[in-house]
C-alpha atoms as a PDB file:
ATOM      1  CA  MET A   1      -4.719 100.419  98.019  1.00  0.00           C
ATOM      2  CA  ARG A   2      -7.259  97.524  98.723  1.00  0.00           C
ATOM      3  CA  ILE A   3      -6.143  94.493  96.358  1.00  0.00           C
ATOM      4  CA  VAL A   4      -7.629  91.244  95.534  1.00  0.00           C
ATOM      5  CA  PHE A   5      -5.257  89.327  93.375  1.00  0.00           C
ATOM      6  CA  ALA A   6      -6.121  86.731  90.622  1.00  0.00           C
ATOM      7  CA  GLY A   7      -3.530  84.312  89.604  1.00  0.00           C
ATOM      8  CA  THR A   8      -3.044  80.544  89.515  1.00  0.00           C
ATOM      9  CA  PRO A   9       0.404  78.908  88.813  1.00  0.00           C
ATOM     10  CA  GLU A  10       3.859  79.221  90.050  1.00  0.00           C
ATOM     11  CA  VAL A  11       4.705  82.022  88.061  1.00  0.00           C
ATOM     12  CA  ALA A  12       2.154  84.251  90.018  1.00  0.00           C
ATOM     13  CA  LEU A  13       3.925  83.950  93.155  1.00  0.00           C
ATOM     14  CA  PRO A  14       6.749  86.391  92.738  1.00  0.00           C
ATOM     15  CA  SER A  15       3.879  88.935  92.426  1.00  0.00           C
ATOM     16  CA  LEU A  16       2.242  87.590  95.400  1.00  0.00           C
ATOM     17  CA  ASP A  17       5.413  88.371  97.222  1.00  0.00           C
ATOM     18  CA  ALA A  18       5.977  91.722  96.055  1.00  0.00           C
ATOM     19  CA  ILE A  19       2.206  92.835  96.826  1.00  0.00           C
ATOM     20  CA  ALA A  20       2.616  91.271 100.264  1.00  0.00           C
ATOM     21  CA  ASP A  21       5.816  93.186 100.805  1.00  0.00           C
ATOM     22  CA  SER A  22       4.190  96.372  99.577  1.00  0.00           C
ATOM     23  CA  ASP A  23       2.004  99.194 101.302  1.00  0.00           C
ATOM     24  CA  HIS A  24      -1.005  97.883  99.758  1.00  0.00           C
ATOM     25  CA  GLU A  25      -3.650  95.707 101.611  1.00  0.00           C
ATOM     26  CA  LEU A  26      -4.200  92.193 100.085  1.00  0.00           C
ATOM     27  CA  LEU A  27      -7.577  91.311 101.010  1.00  0.00           C
ATOM     28  CA  ALA A  28      -7.793  88.014  98.966  1.00  0.00           C
ATOM     29  CA  VAL A  29      -6.550  85.650  96.110  1.00  0.00           C
ATOM     30  CA  VAL A  30      -8.883  84.602  93.299  1.00  0.00           C
ATOM     31  CA  THR A  31      -7.537  81.589  91.519  1.00  0.00           C
ATOM     32  CA  ARG A  32      -8.876  78.247  89.622  1.00  0.00           C
ATOM     33  CA  PRO A  33     -10.526  75.610  91.659  1.00  0.00           C
ATOM     34  CA  ASP A  34      -8.325  72.649  92.886  1.00  0.00           C
ATOM     35  CA  ALA A  35      -7.431  70.216  89.983  1.00  0.00           C
ATOM     36  CA  PRO A  36      -6.804  66.724  89.879  1.00  0.00           C
ATOM     37  CA  SER A  37      -3.077  65.899  89.544  1.00  0.00           C
ATOM     38  CA  GLY A  38      -0.602  62.968  89.389  1.00  0.00           C
ATOM     39  CA  ARG A  39      -1.164  59.326  88.762  1.00  0.00           C
ATOM     40  CA  GLY A  40      -3.756  59.215  91.658  1.00  0.00           C
ATOM     41  CA  ARG A  41      -5.470  62.130  90.202  1.00  0.00           C
ATOM     42  CA  GLN A  42      -6.060  63.438  93.722  1.00  0.00           C
ATOM     43  CA  LEU A  43      -7.378  67.092  93.789  1.00  0.00           C
ATOM     44  CA  VAL A  44      -4.595  69.769  94.267  1.00  0.00           C
ATOM     45  CA  ARG A  45      -4.578  73.346  95.395  1.00  0.00           C
ATOM     46  CA  SER A  46      -3.100  75.929  92.695  1.00  0.00           C
ATOM     47  CA  HIS A  47       0.146  77.565  93.811  1.00  0.00           C
ATOM     48  CA  ALA A  48      -1.632  80.671  94.355  1.00  0.00           C
ATOM     49  CA  ALA A  49      -4.128  79.152  96.820  1.00  0.00           C
ATOM     50  CA  ALA A  50      -1.531  77.223  98.719  1.00  0.00           C
ATOM     51  CA  TRP A  51       0.403  80.434  99.010  1.00  0.00           C
ATOM     52  CA  ALA A  52      -2.736  82.321 100.560  1.00  0.00           C
ATOM     53  CA  ASP A  53      -3.585  79.426 102.664  1.00  0.00           C
ATOM     54  CA  GLU A  54      -0.174  79.655 104.287  1.00  0.00           C
ATOM     55  CA  ARG A  55      -0.718  83.060 105.333  1.00  0.00           C
ATOM     56  CA  GLY A  56      -4.331  82.964 106.400  1.00  0.00           C
ATOM     57  CA  ILE A  57      -5.498  85.098 103.232  1.00  0.00           C
ATOM     58  CA  GLU A  58      -9.001  84.168 102.072  1.00  0.00           C
ATOM     59  CA  VAL A  59      -9.166  82.247  98.747  1.00  0.00           C
ATOM     60  CA  LEU A  60     -11.818  82.527  96.167  1.00  0.00           C
ATOM     61  CA  THR A  61     -12.237  79.511  93.685  1.00  0.00           C
ATOM     62  CA  PRO A  62     -15.204  80.115  91.241  1.00  0.00           C
ATOM     63  CA  GLN A  63     -15.463  77.840  88.517  1.00  0.00           C
ATOM     64  CA  ARG A  64     -16.233  80.938  86.302  1.00  0.00           C
ATOM     65  CA  PRO A  65     -15.688  84.599  87.587  1.00  0.00           C
ATOM     66  CA  ARG A  66     -19.008  85.186  86.383  1.00  0.00           C
ATOM     67  CA  GLU A  67     -20.854  83.254  89.207  1.00  0.00           C
ATOM     68  CA  PRO A  68     -23.186  85.482  91.279  1.00  0.00           C
ATOM     69  CA  GLU A  69     -21.726  84.287  94.497  1.00  0.00           C
ATOM     70  CA  PHE A  70     -18.299  85.238  93.658  1.00  0.00           C
ATOM     71  CA  LEU A  71     -19.422  88.659  92.248  1.00  0.00           C
ATOM     72  CA  ASP A  72     -21.238  89.251  95.538  1.00  0.00           C
ATOM     73  CA  ARG A  73     -18.245  88.261  97.462  1.00  0.00           C
ATOM     74  CA  LEU A  74     -16.020  90.674  95.263  1.00  0.00           C
ATOM     75  CA  ARG A  75     -18.437  93.369  95.881  1.00  0.00           C
ATOM     76  CA  GLU A  76     -18.311  92.641  99.470  1.00  0.00           C
ATOM     77  CA  LEU A  77     -14.349  93.048  99.674  1.00  0.00           C
ATOM     78  CA  ALA A  78     -14.600  96.145  97.551  1.00  0.00           C
ATOM     79  CA  PRO A  79     -11.079  96.281  96.329  1.00  0.00           C
ATOM     80  CA  ASP A  80      -9.615  99.312  94.531  1.00  0.00           C
ATOM     81  CA  CYS A  81      -7.889  97.228  92.367  1.00  0.00           C
ATOM     82  CA  VAL A  82      -7.354  93.488  91.316  1.00  0.00           C
ATOM     83  CA  PRO A  83      -3.912  92.564  89.792  1.00  0.00           C
ATOM     84  CA  VAL A  84      -3.812  89.516  87.618  1.00  0.00           C
ATOM     85  CA  VAL A  85      -0.959  87.211  86.822  1.00  0.00           C
ATOM     86  CA  ALA A  86      -1.761  84.004  84.706  1.00  0.00           C
ATOM     87  CA  TYR A  87      -5.180  83.702  86.284  1.00  0.00           C
ATOM     88  CA  GLY A  88      -6.451  81.324  83.540  1.00  0.00           C
ATOM     89  CA  ALA A  89     -10.116  82.446  83.131  1.00  0.00           C
ATOM     90  CA  LEU A  90     -11.673  85.015  81.006  1.00  0.00           C
ATOM     91  CA  VAL A  91     -13.091  87.862  83.289  1.00  0.00           C
ATOM     92  CA  PRO A  92     -16.575  88.982  82.232  1.00  0.00           C
ATOM     93  CA  PRO A  93     -17.122  93.040  82.088  1.00  0.00           C
ATOM     94  CA  VAL A  94     -19.495  92.917  84.824  1.00  0.00           C
ATOM     95  CA  ALA A  95     -16.471  91.615  87.226  1.00  0.00           C
ATOM     96  CA  LEU A  96     -14.220  94.277  85.720  1.00  0.00           C
ATOM     97  CA  GLU A  97     -16.444  97.141  86.744  1.00  0.00           C
ATOM     98  CA  ILE A  98     -16.378  96.123  90.378  1.00  0.00           C
ATOM     99  CA  PRO A  99     -13.028  97.433  91.441  1.00  0.00           C
ATOM    100  CA  VAL A 100     -12.553 101.254  91.455  1.00  0.00           C
ATOM    101  CA  HIS A 101      -9.512 100.961  88.938  1.00  0.00           C
ATOM    102  CA  GLY A 102     -10.506  97.891  87.297  1.00  0.00           C
ATOM    103  CA  TRP A 103      -8.181  94.641  86.879  1.00  0.00           C
ATOM    104  CA  VAL A 104      -4.565  95.155  85.482  1.00  0.00           C
ATOM    105  CA  ASN A 105      -2.808  92.476  84.092  1.00  0.00           C
ATOM    106  CA  LEU A 106       0.903  91.241  83.942  1.00  0.00           C
ATOM    107  CA  HIS A 107       1.231  89.798  80.644  1.00  0.00           C
ATOM    108  CA  PHE A 108       4.901  88.249  79.537  1.00  0.00           C
ATOM    109  CA  SER A 109       5.328  89.983  76.318  1.00  0.00           C
ATOM    110  CA  LEU A 110       5.904  93.473  75.021  1.00  0.00           C
ATOM    111  CA  LEU A 111       2.380  94.070  73.883  1.00  0.00           C
ATOM    112  CA  PRO A 112       0.888  94.099  71.059  1.00  0.00           C
ATOM    113  CA  ALA A 113       3.249  91.195  70.244  1.00  0.00           C
ATOM    114  CA  TRP A 114       2.127  87.875  71.269  1.00  0.00           C
ATOM    115  CA  ARG A 115      -1.155  88.123  72.730  1.00  0.00           C
ATOM    116  CA  GLY A 116      -2.656  85.161  74.126  1.00  0.00           C
ATOM    117  CA  ALA A 117      -2.011  82.249  76.474  1.00  0.00           C
ATOM    118  CA  ALA A 118       1.496  81.248  75.519  1.00  0.00           C
ATOM    119  CA  PRO A 119       3.654  84.373  74.962  1.00  0.00           C
ATOM    120  CA  VAL A 120       6.984  83.085  76.272  1.00  0.00           C
ATOM    121  CA  GLN A 121       6.848  80.106  74.356  1.00  0.00           C
ATOM    122  CA  HIS A 122       6.141  81.719  71.196  1.00  0.00           C
ATOM    123  CA  ALA A 123       8.874  84.251  71.500  1.00  0.00           C
ATOM    124  CA  VAL A 124      11.382  81.494  72.207  1.00  0.00           C
ATOM    125  CA  TRP A 125       9.918  79.344  69.288  1.00  0.00           C
ATOM    126  CA  HIS A 126      10.190  82.113  66.664  1.00  0.00           C
ATOM    127  CA  GLY A 127      13.803  82.980  67.670  1.00  0.00           C
ATOM    128  CA  ASP A 128      13.105  86.538  69.068  1.00  0.00           C
ATOM    129  CA  GLU A 129      16.081  88.401  70.353  1.00  0.00           C
ATOM    130  CA  PHE A 130      14.376  89.972  73.259  1.00  0.00           C
ATOM    131  CA  THR A 131      10.929  90.032  74.819  1.00  0.00           C
ATOM    132  CA  GLY A 132       9.736  91.564  77.856  1.00  0.00           C
ATOM    133  CA  ALA A 133       6.522  92.215  80.174  1.00  0.00           C
ATOM    134  CA  SER A 134       3.656  94.702  80.077  1.00  0.00           C
ATOM    135  CA  VAL A 135       1.019  95.780  82.835  1.00  0.00           C
ATOM    136  CA  PHE A 136      -2.067  96.751  81.025  1.00  0.00           C
ATOM    137  CA  GLN A 137      -5.807  97.482  81.898  1.00  0.00           C
ATOM    138  CA  LEU A 138      -7.874  94.248  81.528  1.00  0.00           C
ATOM    139  CA  GLU A 139     -11.005  94.399  79.228  1.00  0.00           C
ATOM    140  CA  ALA A 140     -13.150  92.298  77.129  1.00  0.00           C
ATOM    141  CA  GLY A 141     -10.578  91.851  74.121  1.00  0.00           C
ATOM    142  CA  LEU A 142      -7.643  89.259  74.455  1.00  0.00           C
ATOM    143  CA  ASP A 143      -4.807  91.359  75.897  1.00  0.00           C
ATOM    144  CA  THR A 144      -6.152  94.426  74.124  1.00  0.00           C
ATOM    145  CA  GLY A 145      -6.246  97.026  76.773  1.00  0.00           C
ATOM    146  CA  PRO A 146      -4.129 100.130  77.102  1.00  0.00           C
ATOM    147  CA  VAL A 147      -0.574  99.537  79.013  1.00  0.00           C
ATOM    148  CA  PHE A 148       0.513 101.045  81.996  1.00  0.00           C
ATOM    149  CA  GLY A 149       4.035 100.028  81.760  1.00  0.00           C
ATOM    150  CA  THR A 150       6.663  97.703  80.117  1.00  0.00           C
ATOM    151  CA  LEU A 151      10.232  96.174  80.548  1.00  0.00           C
ATOM    152  CA  THR A 152      12.478  94.307  78.139  1.00  0.00           C
ATOM    153  CA  GLU A 153      14.183  91.052  78.724  1.00  0.00           C
ATOM    154  CA  VAL A 154      17.105  89.909  76.198  1.00  0.00           C
ATOM    155  CA  ILE A 155      16.374  86.017  75.125  1.00  0.00           C
ATOM    156  CA  ARG A 156      19.570  84.208  75.786  1.00  0.00           C
ATOM    157  CA  PRO A 157      20.462  81.483  72.823  1.00  0.00           C
ATOM    158  CA  THR A 158      20.036  78.504  75.400  1.00  0.00           C
ATOM    159  CA  ASP A 159      17.022  79.960  77.110  1.00  0.00           C
ATOM    160  CA  THR A 160      14.074  77.518  77.747  1.00  0.00           C
ATOM    161  CA  SER A 161      10.633  78.999  78.239  1.00  0.00           C
ATOM    162  CA  GLY A 162      11.044  77.915  81.817  1.00  0.00           C
ATOM    163  CA  ASP A 163      14.292  80.022  82.114  1.00  0.00           C
ATOM    164  CA  LEU A 164      12.791  83.092  80.456  1.00  0.00           C
ATOM    165  CA  LEU A 165       9.540  83.048  82.441  1.00  0.00           C
ATOM    166  CA  GLY A 166      11.166  82.625  85.778  1.00  0.00           C
ATOM    167  CA  ARG A 167      13.193  85.832  85.116  1.00  0.00           C
ATOM    168  CA  LEU A 168      10.076  87.741  83.612  1.00  0.00           C
ATOM    169  CA  ALA A 169       7.850  86.709  86.634  1.00  0.00           C
ATOM    170  CA  VAL A 170      10.625  88.179  89.023  1.00  0.00           C
ATOM    171  CA  ASP A 171      11.115  91.472  87.043  1.00  0.00           C
ATOM    172  CA  GLY A 172       7.639  91.850  86.225  1.00  0.00           C
ATOM    173  CA  ALA A 173       6.364  91.743  89.967  1.00  0.00           C
ATOM    174  CA  GLY A 174       8.267  94.656  90.562  1.00  0.00           C
ATOM    175  CA  LEU A 175       6.772  96.471  87.368  1.00  0.00           C
ATOM    176  CA  LEU A 176       3.561  95.396  88.699  1.00  0.00           C
ATOM    177  CA  VAL A 177       3.749  96.927  92.164  1.00  0.00           C
ATOM    178  CA  THR A 178       5.116  99.992  90.811  1.00  0.00           C
ATOM    179  CA  VAL A 179       2.155 100.541  88.443  1.00  0.00           C
ATOM    180  CA  LEU A 180      -0.151  99.774  91.437  1.00  0.00           C
ATOM    181  CA  ASP A 181       1.737 102.523  93.459  1.00  0.00           C
ATOM    182  CA  ALA A 182       1.405 104.654  90.378  1.00  0.00           C
ATOM    183  CA  ILE A 183      -2.332 104.052  90.269  1.00  0.00           C
ATOM    184  CA  GLU A 184      -2.913 104.998  93.994  1.00  0.00           C
ATOM    185  CA  ALA A 185      -0.944 108.117  93.550  1.00  0.00           C
ATOM    186  CA  GLY A 186      -2.977 109.090  90.524  1.00  0.00           C
ATOM    187  CA  ALA A 187       0.054 109.340  88.464  1.00  0.00           C
ATOM    188  CA  ALA A 188      -0.499 106.315  86.393  1.00  0.00           C
ATOM    189  CA  ARG A 189      -1.211 106.747  82.597  1.00  0.00           C
ATOM    190  CA  ALA A 190      -2.315 103.816  80.201  1.00  0.00           C
ATOM    191  CA  VAL A 191      -1.370 104.185  76.714  1.00  0.00           C
ATOM    192  CA  PRO A 192      -3.305 102.386  73.830  1.00  0.00           C
ATOM    193  CA  GLN A 193      -1.631  99.719  72.184  1.00  0.00           C
ATOM    194  CA  PRO A 194      -0.663 100.452  68.484  1.00  0.00           C
ATOM    195  CA  ALA A 195      -2.830  98.626  65.695  1.00  0.00           C
ATOM    196  CA  ASP A 196       0.350  97.513  64.051  1.00  0.00           C
ATOM    197  CA  GLY A 197       2.949  94.796  65.458  1.00  0.00           C
ATOM    198  CA  ILE A 198      -0.005  92.362  66.550  1.00  0.00           C
ATOM    199  CA  THR A 199       0.955  88.752  67.155  1.00  0.00           C
ATOM    200  CA  LEU A 200      -0.933  85.957  68.441  1.00  0.00           C
ATOM    201  CA  ALA A 201       0.342  83.254  70.967  1.00  0.00           C
ATOM    202  CA  PRO A 202      -2.258  80.266  71.401  1.00  0.00           C
ATOM    203  CA  LYS A 203      -1.602  77.651  74.042  1.00  0.00           C
ATOM    204  CA  ILE A 204       1.112  75.244  73.191  1.00  0.00           C
ATOM    205  CA  THR A 205       0.026  71.826  72.689  1.00  0.00           C
ATOM    206  CA  VAL A 206       1.465  68.155  73.190  1.00  0.00           C
ATOM    207  CA  GLU A 207       1.003  67.916  69.497  1.00  0.00           C
ATOM    208  CA  ASP A 208       3.091  71.055  68.963  1.00  0.00           C
ATOM    209  CA  ALA A 209       5.824  69.737  71.215  1.00  0.00           C
ATOM    210  CA  GLU A 210       6.334  66.497  68.893  1.00  0.00           C
ATOM    211  CA  VAL A 211      10.005  67.239  67.374  1.00  0.00           C
ATOM    212  CA  ARG A 212      10.080  67.163  63.630  1.00  0.00           C
ATOM    213  CA  TRP A 213      13.491  65.850  62.731  1.00  0.00           C
ATOM    214  CA  ASP A 214      13.344  66.935  59.156  1.00  0.00           C
ATOM    215  CA  GLU A 215      13.218  70.505  60.145  1.00  0.00           C
ATOM    216  CA  PRO A 216      16.758  72.680  59.960  1.00  0.00           C
ATOM    217  CA  ALA A 217      18.652  72.031  63.221  1.00  0.00           C
ATOM    218  CA  PHE A 218      17.890  75.962  64.391  1.00  0.00           C
ATOM    219  CA  ALA A 219      14.076  75.138  64.173  1.00  0.00           C
ATOM    220  CA  VAL A 220      14.375  71.619  66.307  1.00  0.00           C
ATOM    221  CA  ASP A 221      16.425  73.482  68.938  1.00  0.00           C
ATOM    222  CA  ARG A 222      13.859  76.440  69.344  1.00  0.00           C
ATOM    223  CA  ARG A 223      11.066  73.953  69.518  1.00  0.00           C
ATOM    224  CA  ILE A 224      12.750  71.853  72.125  1.00  0.00           C
ATOM    225  CA  ARG A 225      13.548  74.910  74.365  1.00  0.00           C
ATOM    226  CA  ALA A 226      10.168  76.646  73.741  1.00  0.00           C
ATOM    227  CA  THR A 227       8.023  73.425  75.187  1.00  0.00           C
ATOM    228  CA  THR A 228      10.462  73.023  77.952  1.00  0.00           C
ATOM    229  CA  PRO A 229       9.426  72.382  80.631  1.00  0.00           C
ATOM    230  CA  ALA A 230       5.812  72.228  79.449  1.00  0.00           C
ATOM    231  CA  PRO A 231       4.241  70.611  77.565  1.00  0.00           C
ATOM    232  CA  GLY A 232       7.780  68.929  77.238  1.00  0.00           C
ATOM    233  CA  ALA A 233       9.325  68.122  73.981  1.00  0.00           C
ATOM    234  CA  TRP A 234       9.139  64.538  72.757  1.00  0.00           C
ATOM    235  CA  THR A 235       9.804  62.101  70.014  1.00  0.00           C
ATOM    236  CA  THR A 236       9.175  58.353  69.068  1.00  0.00           C
ATOM    237  CA  PHE A 237      11.809  55.526  69.769  1.00  0.00           C
ATOM    238  CA  ARG A 238      11.140  52.057  68.987  1.00  0.00           C
ATOM    239  CA  GLY A 239       7.346  52.900  69.073  1.00  0.00           C
ATOM    240  CA  GLU A 240       7.285  54.613  72.344  1.00  0.00           C
ATOM    241  CA  ARG A 241       7.603  58.397  73.370  1.00  0.00           C
ATOM    242  CA  VAL A 242      10.724  59.848  74.895  1.00  0.00           C
ATOM    243  CA  LYS A 243      10.803  63.461  76.338  1.00  0.00           C
ATOM    244  CA  LEU A 244      13.803  65.447  75.304  1.00  0.00           C
ATOM    245  CA  GLY A 245      15.739  68.323  77.073  1.00  0.00           C
ATOM    246  CA  PRO A 246      17.253  70.981  75.008  1.00  0.00           C
ATOM    247  CA  ALA A 247      20.127  69.909  72.531  1.00  0.00           C
ATOM    248  CA  SER A 248      23.093  71.682  71.722  1.00  0.00           C
ATOM    249  CA  PRO A 249      24.986  72.407  68.113  1.00  0.00           C
ATOM    250  CA  ALA A 250      27.449  69.784  67.224  1.00  0.00           C
ATOM    251  CA  PRO A 251      29.422  71.336  64.388  1.00  0.00           C
ATOM    252  CA  ASP A 252      32.194  68.908  64.122  1.00  0.00           C
ATOM    253  CA  ALA A 253      29.599  65.959  63.970  1.00  0.00           C
ATOM    254  CA  PRO A 254      29.511  63.562  60.972  1.00  0.00           C
ATOM    255  CA  ALA A 255      26.381  64.058  58.516  1.00  0.00           C
ATOM    256  CA  LEU A 256      23.245  61.909  59.606  1.00  0.00           C
ATOM    257  CA  LYS A 257      19.938  61.540  58.181  1.00  0.00           C
ATOM    258  CA  PRO A 258      16.913  63.588  59.948  1.00  0.00           C
ATOM    259  CA  GLY A 259      16.468  61.397  62.884  1.00  0.00           C
ATOM    260  CA  ASP A 260      19.147  58.942  62.638  1.00  0.00           C
ATOM    261  CA  LEU A 261      21.360  58.355  66.129  1.00  0.00           C
ATOM    262  CA  LEU A 262      25.036  58.082  66.509  1.00  0.00           C
ATOM    263  CA  VAL A 263      26.188  57.087  69.949  1.00  0.00           C
ATOM    264  CA  GLU A 264      29.679  58.231  71.005  1.00  0.00           C
ATOM    265  CA  LYS A 265      31.710  58.196  73.968  1.00  0.00           C
ATOM    266  CA  LYS A 266      30.699  61.112  75.512  1.00  0.00           C
ATOM    267  CA  ARG A 267      27.386  62.510  73.645  1.00  0.00           C
ATOM    268  CA  VAL A 268      24.698  61.250  71.336  1.00  0.00           C
ATOM    269  CA  LEU A 269      24.170  62.864  68.023  1.00  0.00           C
ATOM    270  CA  VAL A 270      20.671  62.951  66.146  1.00  0.00           C
ATOM    271  CA  GLY A 271      20.004  64.057  62.668  1.00  0.00           C
ATOM    272  CA  THR A 272      18.139  66.928  61.366  1.00  0.00           C
ATOM    273  CA  ALA A 273      17.490  68.321  57.807  1.00  0.00           C
ATOM    274  CA  THR A 274      21.103  70.244  58.274  1.00  0.00           C
ATOM    275  CA  ALA A 275      23.457  69.795  61.025  1.00  0.00           C
ATOM    276  CA  PRO A 276      23.171  67.244  63.613  1.00  0.00           C
ATOM    277  CA  LEU A 277      22.242  68.104  67.292  1.00  0.00           C
ATOM    278  CA  ALA A 278      24.038  66.580  70.437  1.00  0.00           C
ATOM    279  CA  LEU A 279      21.022  65.539  72.843  1.00  0.00           C
ATOM    280  CA  GLY A 280      20.707  66.747  76.450  1.00  0.00           C
ATOM    281  CA  GLU A 281      18.393  64.822  78.728  1.00  0.00           C
ATOM    282  CA  VAL A 282      16.087  61.845  77.583  1.00  0.00           C
ATOM    283  CA  ARG A 283      13.173  60.587  79.698  1.00  0.00           C
ATOM    284  CA  ALA A 284      11.635  57.348  78.878  1.00  0.00           C
ATOM    285  CA  ALA A 285       7.872  56.934  79.700  1.00  0.00           C
ATOM    286  CA  GLY A 286       7.748  56.111  83.511  1.00  0.00           C
ATOM    287  CA  LYS A 287      11.598  56.795  83.952  1.00  0.00           C
ATOM    288  CA  LYS A 288      13.628  59.806  85.338  1.00  0.00           C
ATOM    289  CA  ALA A 289      15.634  62.071  83.220  1.00  0.00           C
ATOM    290  CA  MET A 290      19.166  61.259  82.566  1.00  0.00           C
ATOM    291  CA  ALA A 291      22.043  62.213  80.191  1.00  0.00           C
ATOM    292  CA  ALA A 292      21.584  60.811  77.131  1.00  0.00           C
ATOM    293  CA  VAL A 293      24.749  58.639  76.864  1.00  0.00           C
ATOM    294  CA  ASP A 294      23.481  57.036  80.068  1.00  0.00           C
ATOM    295  CA  TRP A 295      19.882  56.698  78.270  1.00  0.00           C
ATOM    296  CA  ALA A 296      21.466  55.358  75.065  1.00  0.00           C
ATOM    297  CA  ARG A 297      23.694  52.654  76.841  1.00  0.00           C
ATOM    298  CA  GLY A 298      20.689  51.582  78.795  1.00  0.00           C
ATOM    299  CA  VAL A 299      18.646  50.825  75.876  1.00  0.00           C
ATOM    300  CA  ARG A 300      21.517  49.740  73.700  1.00  0.00           C
ATOM    301  CA  VAL A 301      21.032  51.966  70.748  1.00  0.00           C
ATOM    302  CA  GLY A 302      22.187  50.498  67.662  1.00  0.00           C
ATOM    303  CA  THR A 303      22.930  51.421  64.135  1.00  0.00           C
ATOM    304  CA  GLU A 304      19.499  50.899  62.814  1.00  0.00           C
ATOM    305  CA  ASP A 305      17.885  52.934  65.761  1.00  0.00           C
ATOM    306  CA  SER A 306      16.439  56.162  65.183  1.00  0.00           C
ATOM    307  CA  PHE A 307      13.742  58.903  66.339  1.00  0.00           C
ATOM    308  CA  SER A 308      10.741  59.234  64.305  1.00  0.00           C
END
């Protein structure tokens, strides 16, 4: 089939690789416009755009996919289908109608669970035992279209969102190409999503990523893992923010009040509403991430210090 791909972040690259290696013809890549990044706020190409640039593939970067110029170019390209992986913009009905087989979206949950922008983070945060990926027909509603196929993935006890998303991106790429092959062969069948089991996964904010030490240890652990690597779990130490990597259980640790710190020879403990946790990496503002014991020695954590 003639394919135009829509995607933006790094998680879209396994699908781009899989499509490029398939029998389908990749005509162009639709992605978000260059965005300011880093301290210098210089404009940077999206991961998908950079991938296409390296291969001499046309890149389309509309501010909004309803722009007449973009719609005209999409009609000129005349794709049979537009697969989507984390594009990051709402696609209007007028654009959905251009490809013969519409737009098909690889979404990282088992729909109708976790519809929205952050399905993986919410699955980790809520302690789900498994999740998966779904390829569905994109329509005007939020992740509401009929589903062509799914795969499942176990969520491991130590998985961060980054870990889990990395596995789903690779496995989901294979699922996406399988669906495209079936569409081309006329063998694809999209099944409507059930009316029950719907949960929503709105974007995780920086405010959401602030650790609440008065929560139970399991909830603190989930919040940190769910917000790793982005937007990054954080807390306040001596009035300044520090970012935290995943922590681990410390069943032999002495009791500590929520947020209180205890520096031992080989670990740094922090209290929660239940059992303490052993900190992993800590990154102070403007510094590189380091092991918690090295951070604690560097800032000379005292008996009166705590996270807040």
